[in-house]
PDB file of N, CA and C in Angstrom:
ATOM      1  N   MET A   1       3.150 -28.818 -44.128  1.00  0.00           N
ATOM      2  CA  MET A   1       1.879 -28.898 -44.193  1.00  0.00           C
ATOM      3  C   MET A   1       0.949 -28.017 -43.682  1.00  0.00           C
ATOM      4  N   ASN A   2      -0.047 -27.505 -44.604  1.00  0.00           N
ATOM      5  CA  ASN A   2      -0.953 -26.455 -44.039  1.00  0.00           C
ATOM      6  C   ASN A   2      -1.836 -26.944 -43.140  1.00  0.00           C
ATOM      7  N   GLN A   3      -1.966 -26.200 -42.040  1.00  0.00           N
ATOM      8  CA  GLN A   3      -3.110 -26.564 -41.150  1.00  0.00           C
ATOM      9  C   GLN A   3      -4.324 -25.650 -41.651  1.00  0.00           C
ATOM     10  N   PRO A   4      -5.380 -25.722 -41.441  1.00  0.00           N
ATOM     11  CA  PRO A   4      -6.670 -24.862 -41.580  1.00  0.00           C
ATOM     12  C   PRO A   4      -6.816 -24.219 -40.725  1.00  0.00           C
ATOM     13  N   THR A   5      -6.925 -23.030 -41.124  1.00  0.00           N
ATOM     14  CA  THR A   5      -7.264 -21.769 -40.009  1.00  0.00           C
ATOM     15  C   THR A   5      -8.596 -21.606 -39.728  1.00  0.00           C
ATOM     16  N   THR A   6      -8.855 -21.447 -38.245  1.00  0.00           N
ATOM     17  CA  THR A   6     -10.166 -21.100 -37.721  1.00  0.00           C
ATOM     18  C   THR A   6     -10.456 -19.812 -37.168  1.00  0.00           C
ATOM     19  N   ALA A   7     -11.720 -19.340 -37.471  1.00  0.00           N
ATOM     20  CA  ALA A   7     -11.836 -18.289 -36.669  1.00  0.00           C
ATOM     21  C   ALA A   7     -11.957 -18.281 -35.519  1.00  0.00           C
ATOM     22  N   PRO A   8     -11.388 -17.125 -34.645  1.00  0.00           N
ATOM     23  CA  PRO A   8     -10.985 -17.107 -33.276  1.00  0.00           C
ATOM     24  C   PRO A   8     -12.615 -17.006 -32.603  1.00  0.00           C
ATOM     25  N   THR A   9     -12.495 -17.719 -31.470  1.00  0.00           N
ATOM     26  CA  THR A   9     -14.065 -17.898 -30.912  1.00  0.00           C
ATOM     27  C   THR A   9     -13.491 -17.433 -29.433  1.00  0.00           C
ATOM     28  N   GLU A  10     -14.719 -17.330 -28.608  1.00  0.00           N
ATOM     29  CA  GLU A  10     -14.447 -16.643 -27.748  1.00  0.00           C
ATOM     30  C   GLU A  10     -13.697 -17.545 -26.233  1.00  0.00           C
ATOM     31  N   SER A  11     -13.618 -18.862 -26.789  1.00  0.00           N
ATOM     32  CA  SER A  11     -12.742 -19.508 -25.893  1.00  0.00           C
ATOM     33  C   SER A  11     -11.389 -19.790 -26.348  1.00  0.00           C
ATOM     34  N   ASP A  12     -11.131 -19.392 -27.291  1.00  0.00           N
ATOM     35  CA  ASP A  12      -9.835 -19.332 -27.857  1.00  0.00           C
ATOM     36  C   ASP A  12      -8.730 -18.103 -26.842  1.00  0.00           C
ATOM     37  N   PRO A  13      -8.021 -18.934 -26.226  1.00  0.00           N
ATOM     38  CA  PRO A  13      -6.898 -18.056 -25.253  1.00  0.00           C
ATOM     39  C   PRO A  13      -6.564 -16.945 -25.600  1.00  0.00           C
ATOM     40  N   ARG A  14      -6.110 -16.720 -27.074  1.00  0.00           N
ATOM     41  CA  ARG A  14      -5.284 -15.596 -27.824  1.00  0.00           C
ATOM     42  C   ARG A  14      -6.532 -14.438 -27.852  1.00  0.00           C
ATOM     43  N   ARG A  15      -7.838 -14.714 -27.467  1.00  0.00           N
ATOM     44  CA  ARG A  15      -9.070 -13.699 -27.495  1.00  0.00           C
ATOM     45  C   ARG A  15      -9.478 -13.421 -26.190  1.00  0.00           C
ATOM     46  N   ILE A  16      -8.946 -13.817 -25.252  1.00  0.00           N
ATOM     47  CA  ILE A  16      -9.492 -13.566 -23.675  1.00  0.00           C
ATOM     48  C   ILE A  16      -8.702 -12.661 -22.854  1.00  0.00           C
ATOM     49  N   VAL A  17      -8.897 -11.872 -22.253  1.00  0.00           N
ATOM     50  CA  VAL A  17      -8.360 -10.941 -21.256  1.00  0.00           C
ATOM     51  C   VAL A  17      -8.957 -11.503 -19.924  1.00  0.00           C
ATOM     52  N   ARG A  18      -8.188 -11.827 -18.990  1.00  0.00           N
ATOM     53  CA  ARG A  18      -8.619 -12.022 -17.601  1.00  0.00           C
ATOM     54  C   ARG A  18      -8.802 -10.914 -16.757  1.00  0.00           C
ATOM     55  N   CYS A  19      -9.615 -10.648 -16.065  1.00  0.00           N
ATOM     56  CA  CYS A  19      -9.740  -9.617 -15.253  1.00  0.00           C
ATOM     57  C   CYS A  19      -8.953  -9.789 -13.821  1.00  0.00           C
ATOM     58  N   ALA A  20      -8.270  -8.942 -13.373  1.00  0.00           N
ATOM     59  CA  ALA A  20      -7.504  -8.976 -12.372  1.00  0.00           C
ATOM     60  C   ALA A  20      -8.022  -8.800 -11.273  1.00  0.00           C
ATOM     61  N   ASN A  21      -9.121  -8.407 -10.951  1.00  0.00           N
ATOM     62  CA  ASN A  21      -9.962  -8.414  -9.677  1.00  0.00           C
ATOM     63  C   ASN A  21     -10.740  -9.679  -9.490  1.00  0.00           C
ATOM     64  N   CYS A  22     -11.640 -10.221 -10.572  1.00  0.00           N
ATOM     65  CA  CYS A  22     -12.319 -11.458 -10.250  1.00  0.00           C
ATOM     66  C   CYS A  22     -11.718 -12.921 -11.059  1.00  0.00           C
ATOM     67  N   SER A  23     -10.789 -12.544 -12.083  1.00  0.00           N
ATOM     68  CA  SER A  23     -10.269 -13.844 -12.871  1.00  0.00           C
ATOM     69  C   SER A  23     -11.202 -14.136 -13.785  1.00  0.00           C
ATOM     70  N   ALA A  24     -12.504 -13.579 -13.991  1.00  0.00           N
ATOM     71  CA  ALA A  24     -13.148 -13.856 -15.196  1.00  0.00           C
ATOM     72  C   ALA A  24     -12.900 -13.637 -16.554  1.00  0.00           C
ATOM     73  N   GLU A  25     -13.221 -14.203 -17.503  1.00  0.00           N
ATOM     74  CA  GLU A  25     -12.522 -14.388 -18.730  1.00  0.00           C
ATOM     75  C   GLU A  25     -13.541 -13.392 -19.361  1.00  0.00           C
ATOM     76  N   ASN A  26     -12.955 -12.440 -20.112  1.00  0.00           N
ATOM     77  CA  ASN A  26     -13.493 -11.347 -21.279  1.00  0.00           C
ATOM     78  C   ASN A  26     -13.092 -11.345 -22.552  1.00  0.00           C
ATOM     79  N   ILE A  27     -13.925 -10.891 -23.547  1.00  0.00           N
ATOM     80  CA  ILE A  27     -13.405 -10.848 -24.735  1.00  0.00           C
ATOM     81  C   ILE A  27     -12.471  -9.781 -25.075  1.00  0.00           C
ATOM     82  N   VAL A  28     -11.575  -9.681 -25.933  1.00  0.00           N
ATOM     83  CA  VAL A  28     -10.422  -8.459 -25.850  1.00  0.00           C
ATOM     84  C   VAL A  28     -10.901  -7.224 -26.171  1.00  0.00           C
ATOM     85  N   GLY A  29     -12.056  -7.101 -26.659  1.00  0.00           N
ATOM     86  CA  GLY A  29     -12.174  -5.722 -27.371  1.00  0.00           C
ATOM     87  C   GLY A  29     -13.049  -5.113 -25.985  1.00  0.00           C
ATOM     88  N   ALA A  30     -13.577  -5.766 -24.776  1.00  0.00           N
ATOM     89  CA  ALA A  30     -14.121  -5.138 -23.832  1.00  0.00           C
ATOM     90  C   ALA A  30     -13.096  -4.338 -22.921  1.00  0.00           C
ATOM     91  N   THR A  31     -13.595  -3.190 -22.619  1.00  0.00           N
ATOM     92  CA  THR A  31     -13.535  -2.246 -21.597  1.00  0.00           C
ATOM     93  C   THR A  31     -13.182  -2.554 -20.197  1.00  0.00           C
ATOM     94  N   ARG A  32     -14.150  -3.046 -19.869  1.00  0.00           N
ATOM     95  CA  ARG A  32     -14.765  -3.454 -18.503  1.00  0.00           C
ATOM     96  C   ARG A  32     -15.129  -5.045 -18.294  1.00  0.00           C
ATOM     97  N   CYS A  33     -14.983  -5.265 -17.075  1.00  0.00           N
ATOM     98  CA  CYS A  33     -15.327  -6.676 -16.832  1.00  0.00           C
ATOM     99  C   CYS A  33     -16.580  -7.049 -16.962  1.00  0.00           C
ATOM    100  N   ARG A  34     -16.991  -8.287 -17.351  1.00  0.00           N
ATOM    101  CA  ARG A  34     -18.749  -8.508 -17.500  1.00  0.00           C
ATOM    102  C   ARG A  34     -19.101  -8.959 -16.194  1.00  0.00           C
ATOM    103  N   GLU A  35     -18.160  -9.398 -15.373  1.00  0.00           N
ATOM    104  CA  GLU A  35     -18.675  -9.973 -13.824  1.00  0.00           C
ATOM    105  C   GLU A  35     -18.562  -8.765 -13.137  1.00  0.00           C
ATOM    106  N   CYS A  36     -17.675  -8.315 -12.687  1.00  0.00           N
ATOM    107  CA  CYS A  36     -17.351  -6.965 -11.545  1.00  0.00           C
ATOM    108  C   CYS A  36     -17.325  -5.469 -11.822  1.00  0.00           C
ATOM    109  N   ASP A  37     -17.458  -5.526 -13.248  1.00  0.00           N
ATOM    110  CA  ASP A  37     -17.352  -4.121 -13.875  1.00  0.00           C
ATOM    111  C   ASP A  37     -16.006  -3.327 -13.595  1.00  0.00           C
ATOM    112  N   THR A  38     -15.016  -4.114 -13.327  1.00  0.00           N
ATOM    113  CA  THR A  38     -13.472  -3.497 -13.057  1.00  0.00           C
ATOM    114  C   THR A  38     -13.196  -2.970 -14.376  1.00  0.00           C
ATOM    115  N   HIS A  39     -12.275  -2.036 -14.647  1.00  0.00           N
ATOM    116  CA  HIS A  39     -11.578  -1.795 -15.916  1.00  0.00           C
ATOM    117  C   HIS A  39     -10.758  -2.797 -16.259  1.00  0.00           C
ATOM    118  N   LEU A  40     -10.589  -3.238 -17.474  1.00  0.00           N
ATOM    119  CA  LEU A  40      -9.594  -4.291 -17.857  1.00  0.00           C
ATOM    120  C   LEU A  40      -8.114  -3.946 -18.061  1.00  0.00           C
ATOM    121  N   TYR A  41      -8.207  -2.732 -18.696  1.00  0.00           N
ATOM    122  CA  TYR A  41      -6.782  -1.994 -19.043  1.00  0.00           C
ATOM    123  C   TYR A  41      -6.377  -0.616 -18.223  1.00  0.00           C
ATOM    124  N   VAL A  42      -5.060  -0.784 -18.317  1.00  0.00           N
ATOM    125  CA  VAL A  42      -4.745   0.404 -17.428  1.00  0.00           C
ATOM    126  C   VAL A  42      -3.603   0.982 -18.357  1.00  0.00           C
ATOM    127  N   VAL A  43      -3.512   2.438 -18.471  1.00  0.00           N
ATOM    128  CA  VAL A  43      -2.500   3.302 -19.396  1.00  0.00           C
ATOM    129  C   VAL A  43      -1.437   3.694 -18.795  1.00  0.00           C
ATOM    130  N   CYS A  44      -0.310   3.280 -19.253  1.00  0.00           N
ATOM    131  CA  CYS A  44       0.989   3.552 -18.676  1.00  0.00           C
ATOM    132  C   CYS A  44       1.270   5.097 -18.482  1.00  0.00           C
ATOM    133  N   ARG A  45       1.801   5.554 -17.622  1.00  0.00           N
ATOM    134  CA  ARG A  45       1.749   6.895 -16.891  1.00  0.00           C
ATOM    135  C   ARG A  45       3.098   7.546 -17.734  1.00  0.00           C
ATOM    136  N   HIS A  46       3.795   6.658 -18.060  1.00  0.00           N
ATOM    137  CA  HIS A  46       5.327   6.729 -18.765  1.00  0.00           C
ATOM    138  C   HIS A  46       5.324   6.840 -20.076  1.00  0.00           C
ATOM    139  N   CYS A  47       4.540   6.078 -20.878  1.00  0.00           N
ATOM    140  CA  CYS A  47       4.721   5.931 -22.248  1.00  0.00           C
ATOM    141  C   CYS A  47       3.346   6.064 -22.882  1.00  0.00           C
ATOM    142  N   GLY A  48       2.231   5.877 -22.021  1.00  0.00           N
ATOM    143  CA  GLY A  48       0.796   6.059 -22.801  1.00  0.00           C
ATOM    144  C   GLY A  48       0.352   4.767 -23.335  1.00  0.00           C
ATOM    145  N   ARG A  49       0.975   3.678 -23.190  1.00  0.00           N
ATOM    146  CA  ARG A  49       0.428   2.517 -23.726  1.00  0.00           C
ATOM    147  C   ARG A  49      -0.840   2.000 -23.125  1.00  0.00           C
ATOM    148  N   SER A  50      -1.812   1.304 -23.545  1.00  0.00           N
ATOM    149  CA  SER A  50      -2.547   0.819 -23.021  1.00  0.00           C
ATOM    150  C   SER A  50      -2.381  -0.956 -22.582  1.00  0.00           C
ATOM    151  N   ASN A  51      -2.368  -1.151 -21.321  1.00  0.00           N
ATOM    152  CA  ASN A  51      -1.992  -2.548 -20.804  1.00  0.00           C
ATOM    153  C   ASN A  51      -2.925  -3.489 -19.982  1.00  0.00           C
ATOM    154  N   ALA A  52      -2.920  -4.700 -20.348  1.00  0.00           N
ATOM    155  CA  ALA A  52      -3.884  -5.514 -19.483  1.00  0.00           C
ATOM    156  C   ALA A  52      -3.507  -4.963 -17.812  1.00  0.00           C
ATOM    157  N   ARG A  53      -4.746  -4.938 -16.978  1.00  0.00           N
ATOM    158  CA  ARG A  53      -4.290  -4.788 -15.694  1.00  0.00           C
ATOM    159  C   ARG A  53      -3.900  -5.548 -15.015  1.00  0.00           C
ATOM    160  N   ALA A  54      -3.970  -6.517 -15.256  1.00  0.00           N
ATOM    161  CA  ALA A  54      -3.084  -7.942 -14.455  1.00  0.00           C
ATOM    162  C   ALA A  54      -1.758  -7.635 -14.823  1.00  0.00           C
ATOM    163  N   LEU A  55      -1.181  -7.171 -15.476  1.00  0.00           N
ATOM    164  CA  LEU A  55       0.266  -6.945 -15.547  1.00  0.00           C
ATOM    165  C   LEU A  55       0.740  -5.831 -14.489  1.00  0.00           C
ATOM    166  N   ARG A  56       2.142  -6.277 -14.546  1.00  0.00           N
ATOM    167  CA  ARG A  56       2.869  -5.270 -13.259  1.00  0.00           C
ATOM    168  C   ARG A  56       3.519  -4.255 -13.856  1.00  0.00           C
ATOM    169  N   ASN A  57       4.015  -4.747 -15.253  1.00  0.00           N
ATOM    170  CA  ASN A  57       5.074  -3.830 -16.028  1.00  0.00           C
ATOM    171  C   ASN A  57       4.451  -3.755 -17.138  1.00  0.00           C
ATOM    172  N   CYS A  58       4.732  -2.313 -18.085  1.00  0.00           N
ATOM    173  CA  CYS A  58       4.357  -2.203 -19.112  1.00  0.00           C
ATOM    174  C   CYS A  58       4.856  -2.809 -20.110  1.00  0.00           C
ATOM    175  N   ALA A  59       3.832  -3.578 -21.105  1.00  0.00           N
ATOM    176  CA  ALA A  59       4.689  -4.060 -22.194  1.00  0.00           C
ATOM    177  C   ALA A  59       5.520  -3.050 -23.379  1.00  0.00           C
ATOM    178  N   GLY A  60       5.240  -1.984 -23.124  1.00  0.00           N
ATOM    179  CA  GLY A  60       6.034  -1.077 -24.010  1.00  0.00           C
ATOM    180  C   GLY A  60       7.453  -0.509 -23.404  1.00  0.00           C
ATOM    181  N   CYS A  61       7.280  -0.002 -22.334  1.00  0.00           N
ATOM    182  CA  CYS A  61       8.370   0.572 -21.689  1.00  0.00           C
ATOM    183  C   CYS A  61       8.847  -0.267 -20.586  1.00  0.00           C
ATOM    184  N   GLU A  62       8.214  -1.161 -20.003  1.00  0.00           N
ATOM    185  CA  GLU A  62       8.654  -1.965 -18.929  1.00  0.00           C
ATOM    186  C   GLU A  62       8.822  -1.573 -17.620  1.00  0.00           C
ATOM    187  N   LYS A  63       8.424  -0.186 -17.549  1.00  0.00           N
ATOM    188  CA  LYS A  63       8.302   0.510 -16.320  1.00  0.00           C
ATOM    189  C   LYS A  63       6.986  -0.120 -15.450  1.00  0.00           C
ATOM    190  N   ARG A  64       7.081   0.032 -14.023  1.00  0.00           N
ATOM    191  CA  ARG A  64       6.072  -0.598 -13.254  1.00  0.00           C
ATOM    192  C   ARG A  64       4.471   0.232 -13.537  1.00  0.00           C
ATOM    193  N   LEU A  65       3.665  -0.446 -13.515  1.00  0.00           N
ATOM    194  CA  LEU A  65       2.481  -0.108 -13.635  1.00  0.00           C
ATOM    195  C   LEU A  65       1.713   0.206 -12.380  1.00  0.00           C
ATOM    196  N   GLY A  66       0.840   0.940 -12.134  1.00  0.00           N
ATOM    197  CA  GLY A  66      -0.260   1.131 -10.924  1.00  0.00           C
ATOM    198  C   GLY A  66       0.582   1.662  -9.741  1.00  0.00           C
ATOM    199  N   GLY A  67       0.345   1.086  -8.524  1.00  0.00           N
ATOM    200  CA  GLY A  67       0.723   1.621  -7.186  1.00  0.00           C
ATOM    201  C   GLY A  67       1.670   0.655  -6.980  1.00  0.00           C
ATOM    202  N   SER A  68       2.224   0.993  -5.831  1.00  0.00           N
ATOM    203  CA  SER A  68       3.318   0.298  -5.135  1.00  0.00           C
ATOM    204  C   SER A  68       2.832  -1.190  -4.908  1.00  0.00           C
ATOM    205  N   LEU A  69       3.948  -2.127  -4.398  1.00  0.00           N
ATOM    206  CA  LEU A  69       3.923  -3.164  -4.016  1.00  0.00           C
ATOM    207  C   LEU A  69       2.987  -3.414  -2.829  1.00  0.00           C
ATOM    208  N   TRP A  70       3.056  -2.538  -1.991  1.00  0.00           N
ATOM    209  CA  TRP A  70       2.303  -2.405  -0.720  1.00  0.00           C
ATOM    210  C   TRP A  70       0.809  -2.041  -0.970  1.00  0.00           C
ATOM    211  N   LYS A  71       0.401  -1.342  -1.785  1.00  0.00           N
ATOM    212  CA  LYS A  71      -1.017  -1.187  -2.256  1.00  0.00           C
ATOM    213  C   LYS A  71      -1.765  -2.386  -2.647  1.00  0.00           C
ATOM    214  N   ARG A  72      -1.024  -2.843  -3.456  1.00  0.00           N
ATOM    215  CA  ARG A  72      -1.371  -4.393  -4.119  1.00  0.00           C
ATOM    216  C   ARG A  72      -1.692  -5.324  -3.338  1.00  0.00           C
ATOM    217  N   ARG A  73      -0.748  -5.648  -2.575  1.00  0.00           N
ATOM    218  CA  ARG A  73      -0.841  -6.581  -1.603  1.00  0.00           C
ATOM    219  C   ARG A  73      -1.696  -6.266  -0.515  1.00  0.00           C
ATOM    220  N   PHE A  74      -2.150  -4.864  -0.259  1.00  0.00           N
ATOM    221  CA  PHE A  74      -2.938  -4.470   0.715  1.00  0.00           C
ATOM    222  C   PHE A  74      -4.476  -4.783   0.190  1.00  0.00           C
ATOM    223  N   ARG A  75      -4.495  -4.329  -1.188  1.00  0.00           N
ATOM    224  CA  ARG A  75      -5.930  -4.882  -1.959  1.00  0.00           C
ATOM    225  C   ARG A  75      -6.376  -6.032  -2.310  1.00  0.00           C
ATOM    226  N   ARG A  76      -5.191  -6.897  -2.141  1.00  0.00           N
ATOM    227  CA  ARG A  76      -5.372  -8.407  -2.596  1.00  0.00           C
ATOM    228  C   ARG A  76      -5.960  -9.165  -1.005  1.00  0.00           C
ATOM    229  N   ILE A  77      -5.493  -8.515  -0.172  1.00  0.00           N
ATOM    230  CA  ILE A  77      -5.755  -8.977   1.324  1.00  0.00           C
ATOM    231  C   ILE A  77      -7.026  -8.812   1.740  1.00  0.00           C
ATOM    232  N   PHE A  78      -7.649  -7.387   1.445  1.00  0.00           N
ATOM    233  CA  PHE A  78      -8.597  -6.609   2.115  1.00  0.00           C
ATOM    234  C   PHE A  78      -9.814  -6.752   1.184  1.00  0.00           C
ATOM    235  N   ARG A  79      -9.868  -7.213  -0.194  1.00  0.00           N
ATOM    236  CA  ARG A  79     -10.742  -6.985  -1.009  1.00  0.00           C
ATOM    237  C   ARG A  79     -12.091  -7.833  -0.928  1.00  0.00           C
ATOM    238  N   ARG A  80     -11.968  -8.931  -0.180  1.00  0.00           N
ATOM    239  CA  ARG A  80     -13.158  -9.863   0.036  1.00  0.00           C
ATOM    240  C   ARG A  80     -13.782  -9.758   1.518  1.00  0.00           C
ATOM    241  N   VAL A  81     -13.393  -8.561   2.181  1.00  0.00           N
ATOM    242  CA  VAL A  81     -13.374  -8.606   3.579  1.00  0.00           C
ATOM    243  C   VAL A  81     -14.623  -7.756   3.753  1.00  0.00           C
ATOM    244  N   ASP A  82     -15.809  -8.218   4.264  1.00  0.00           N
ATOM    245  CA  ASP A  82     -16.955  -7.329   4.378  1.00  0.00           C
ATOM    246  C   ASP A  82     -16.433  -6.336   5.634  1.00  0.00           C
ATOM    247  N   PRO A  83     -17.194  -4.965   5.166  1.00  0.00           N
ATOM    248  CA  PRO A  83     -17.084  -4.019   6.010  1.00  0.00           C
ATOM    249  C   PRO A  83     -17.489  -3.983   7.219  1.00  0.00           C
ATOM    250  N   VAL A  84     -18.756  -4.827   7.404  1.00  0.00           N
ATOM    251  CA  VAL A  84     -19.196  -4.715   8.708  1.00  0.00           C
ATOM    252  C   VAL A  84     -18.472  -5.726   9.840  1.00  0.00           C
ATOM    253  N   THR A  85     -17.714  -6.807   8.882  1.00  0.00           N
ATOM    254  CA  THR A  85     -16.708  -7.597   9.630  1.00  0.00           C
ATOM    255  C   THR A  85     -15.505  -6.838  10.216  1.00  0.00           C
ATOM    256  N   VAL A  86     -14.963  -5.963   9.578  1.00  0.00           N
ATOM    257  CA  VAL A  86     -13.999  -4.685   9.883  1.00  0.00           C
ATOM    258  C   VAL A  86     -14.466  -3.906  11.104  1.00  0.00           C
ATOM    259  N   ILE A  87     -15.385  -3.645  11.013  1.00  0.00           N
ATOM    260  CA  ILE A  87     -16.070  -2.587  12.088  1.00  0.00           C
ATOM    261  C   ILE A  87     -16.308  -3.375  13.293  1.00  0.00           C
ATOM    262  N   VAL A  88     -16.978  -4.530  13.217  1.00  0.00           N
ATOM    263  CA  VAL A  88     -16.996  -5.321  14.593  1.00  0.00           C
ATOM    264  C   VAL A  88     -15.543  -5.577  15.240  1.00  0.00           C
ATOM    265  N   GLY A  89     -14.653  -6.025  14.434  1.00  0.00           N
ATOM    266  CA  GLY A  89     -13.363  -6.427  14.560  1.00  0.00           C
ATOM    267  C   GLY A  89     -12.629  -5.266  15.425  1.00  0.00           C
ATOM    268  N   VAL A  90     -12.870  -3.825  14.970  1.00  0.00           N
ATOM    269  CA  VAL A  90     -12.264  -2.722  15.562  1.00  0.00           C
ATOM    270  C   VAL A  90     -12.995  -2.764  16.982  1.00  0.00           C
ATOM    271  N   ILE A  91     -14.198  -2.566  16.905  1.00  0.00           N
ATOM    272  CA  ILE A  91     -14.973  -2.501  18.139  1.00  0.00           C
ATOM    273  C   ILE A  91     -14.285  -3.556  19.170  1.00  0.00           C
ATOM    274  N   VAL A  92     -14.092  -4.906  18.966  1.00  0.00           N
ATOM    275  CA  VAL A  92     -13.898  -5.734  19.680  1.00  0.00           C
ATOM    276  C   VAL A  92     -12.537  -5.475  20.214  1.00  0.00           C
ATOM    277  N   LEU A  93     -11.486  -5.159  19.133  1.00  0.00           N
ATOM    278  CA  LEU A  93     -10.336  -4.765  19.918  1.00  0.00           C
ATOM    279  C   LEU A  93     -10.149  -3.622  20.767  1.00  0.00           C
ATOM    280  N   LEU A  94     -11.037  -2.382  20.384  1.00  0.00           N
ATOM    281  CA  LEU A  94     -11.204  -1.433  21.283  1.00  0.00           C
ATOM    282  C   LEU A  94     -11.568  -1.603  22.859  1.00  0.00           C
ATOM    283  N   VAL A  95     -12.596  -2.303  22.973  1.00  0.00           N
ATOM    284  CA  VAL A  95     -13.207  -3.255  24.020  1.00  0.00           C
ATOM    285  C   VAL A  95     -11.853  -3.740  24.721  1.00  0.00           C
ATOM    286  N   LEU A  96     -11.455  -4.969  24.100  1.00  0.00           N
ATOM    287  CA  LEU A  96     -10.048  -5.533  24.923  1.00  0.00           C
ATOM    288  C   LEU A  96      -9.048  -4.656  25.377  1.00  0.00           C
ATOM    289  N   LEU A  97      -8.815  -3.463  24.475  1.00  0.00           N
ATOM    290  CA  LEU A  97      -7.724  -2.465  24.975  1.00  0.00           C
ATOM    291  C   LEU A  97      -8.419  -1.695  26.107  1.00  0.00           C
ATOM    292  N   LEU A  98      -9.658  -1.361  26.345  1.00  0.00           N
ATOM    293  CA  LEU A  98      -9.981  -0.536  27.397  1.00  0.00           C
ATOM    294  C   LEU A  98      -9.921  -1.679  28.621  1.00  0.00           C
ATOM    295  N   LEU A  99     -10.474  -2.943  28.419  1.00  0.00           N
ATOM    296  CA  LEU A  99     -10.624  -3.832  29.735  1.00  0.00           C
ATOM    297  C   LEU A  99      -9.159  -4.099  29.841  1.00  0.00           C
ATOM    298  N   LEU A 100      -7.997  -4.118  29.077  1.00  0.00           N
ATOM    299  CA  LEU A 100      -6.697  -4.374  29.650  1.00  0.00           C
ATOM    300  C   LEU A 100      -6.144  -3.027  30.488  1.00  0.00           C
ATOM    301  N   LEU A 101      -6.695  -1.778  29.941  1.00  0.00           N
ATOM    302  CA  LEU A 101      -5.981  -0.637  30.469  1.00  0.00           C
ATOM    303  C   LEU A 101      -6.785  -0.313  32.112  1.00  0.00           C
ATOM    304  N   ASN A 102      -8.325  -0.853  32.299  1.00  0.00           N
ATOM    305  CA  ASN A 102      -8.626  -0.928  33.373  1.00  0.00           C
ATOM    306  C   ASN A 102      -8.139  -1.923  34.573  1.00  0.00           C
ATOM    307  N   HIS A 103      -7.729  -2.937  34.052  1.00  0.00           N
ATOM    308  CA  HIS A 103      -6.890  -3.957  34.848  1.00  0.00           C
ATOM    309  C   HIS A 103      -5.879  -3.621  35.330  1.00  0.00           C
ATOM    310  N   GLN A 104      -4.986  -2.947  34.517  1.00  0.00           N
ATOM    311  CA  GLN A 104      -3.530  -2.273  34.944  1.00  0.00           C
ATOM    312  C   GLN A 104      -3.982  -1.195  35.676  1.00  0.00           C
ATOM    313  N   ARG A 105      -5.106  -0.471  35.975  1.00  0.00           N
ATOM    314  CA  ARG A 105      -5.193   0.694  36.751  1.00  0.00           C
ATOM    315  C   ARG A 105      -5.544   0.043  38.109  1.00  0.00           C
ATOM    316  N   SER A 106      -6.498  -1.080  38.125  1.00  0.00           N
ATOM    317  CA  SER A 106      -6.831  -1.544  39.509  1.00  0.00           C
ATOM    318  C   SER A 106      -5.834  -2.485  40.009  1.00  0.00           C
ATOM    319  N   SER A 107      -4.740  -2.939  39.544  1.00  0.00           N
ATOM    320  CA  SER A 107      -3.824  -3.866  39.929  1.00  0.00           C
ATOM    321  C   SER A 107      -2.559  -3.140  40.690  1.00  0.00           C
ATOM    322  N   VAL A 108      -2.675  -1.688  40.202  1.00  0.00           N
ATOM    323  CA  VAL A 108      -1.303  -0.999  40.580  1.00  0.00           C
ATOM    324  C   VAL A 108      -2.158  -0.087  42.056  1.00  0.00           C
ATOM    325  N   PRO A 109      -1.073  -0.500  43.052  1.00  0.00           N
ATOM    326  CA  PRO A 109      -1.543   0.079  44.639  1.00  0.00           C
ATOM    327  C   PRO A 109      -1.490   1.761  44.521  1.00  0.00           C
ATOM    328  N   PRO A 110      -2.258   2.428  45.171  1.00  0.00           N
ATOM    329  CA  PRO A 110      -2.248   3.747  45.031  1.00  0.00           C
ATOM    330  C   PRO A 110      -1.244   4.163  45.761  1.00  0.00           C
ATOM    331  N   GLN A 111      -0.675   5.060  45.387  1.00  0.00           N
ATOM    332  CA  GLN A 111       0.689   5.937  45.935  1.00  0.00           C
ATOM    333  C   GLN A 111       0.281   6.749  46.970  1.00  0.00           C
ATOM    334  N   THR A 112       0.848   6.789  48.363  1.00  0.00           N
ATOM    335  CA  THR A 112       0.505   7.766  49.213  1.00  0.00           C
ATOM    336  C   THR A 112       1.840   8.800  49.216  1.00  0.00           C
ATOM    337  N   ASP A 113       1.869   9.855  49.586  1.00  0.00           N
ATOM    338  CA  ASP A 113       2.621  10.975  49.776  1.00  0.00           C
ATOM    339  C   ASP A 113       3.318  11.136  51.386  1.00  0.00           C
ATOM    340  N   GLN A 114       2.714  10.153  52.199  1.00  0.00           N
ATOM    341  CA  GLN A 114       3.081  10.220  53.572  1.00  0.00           C
ATOM    342  C   GLN A 114       4.231   9.351  53.666  1.00  0.00           C
ATOM    343  N   PRO A 115       5.371   9.743  54.203  1.00  0.00           N
ATOM    344  CA  PRO A 115       6.486   8.784  54.584  1.00  0.00           C
ATOM    345  C   PRO A 115       6.159   7.703  55.606  1.00  0.00           C
ATOM    346  N   THR A 116       6.695   6.595  55.372  1.00  0.00           N
ATOM    347  CA  THR A 116       6.736   5.270  56.035  1.00  0.00           C
ATOM    348  C   THR A 116       7.055   5.412  57.506  1.00  0.00           C
ATOM    349  N   VAL A 117       6.735   4.807  58.464  1.00  0.00           N
ATOM    350  CA  VAL A 117       7.379   5.186  59.803  1.00  0.00           C
ATOM    351  C   VAL A 117       7.747   3.593  60.064  1.00  0.00           C
ATOM    352  N   SER A 118       9.165   3.360  60.319  1.00  0.00           N
ATOM    353  CA  SER A 118       9.625   2.086  60.650  1.00  0.00           C
ATOM    354  C   SER A 118       9.932   1.957  62.172  1.00  0.00           C
ATOM    355  N   GLU A 119       9.736   1.211  62.677  1.00  0.00           N
ATOM    356  CA  GLU A 119       9.877   0.572  64.297  1.00  0.00           C
ATOM    357  C   GLU A 119      11.299   0.384  64.639  1.00  0.00           C
TER     358      GLU A 119
END
């Protein structure tokens, strides 16, 4: 039986590219995400093929795309962190470190160079 063919629409999963940054749906012909303006495609440095940014390996040569696994995980963890929060966290850690060092200095008795006299 022949099934009627329909023209692809924007909601058709074959015509959608998901943004690797914000997961927004974009039309296949777009080069940048309509929500966050991130590039949707990356060119493989080994074979030159254009691949969706969400892919880890090239569809042509199957070699790894982009940076290392550590870079990807670091970006995934810290992409939603507010810079002000990071600065405040670093300041709090430095203050705690200074308090700890100051406490250690005050708890150590001073050493004297004079010999002790025993009875």
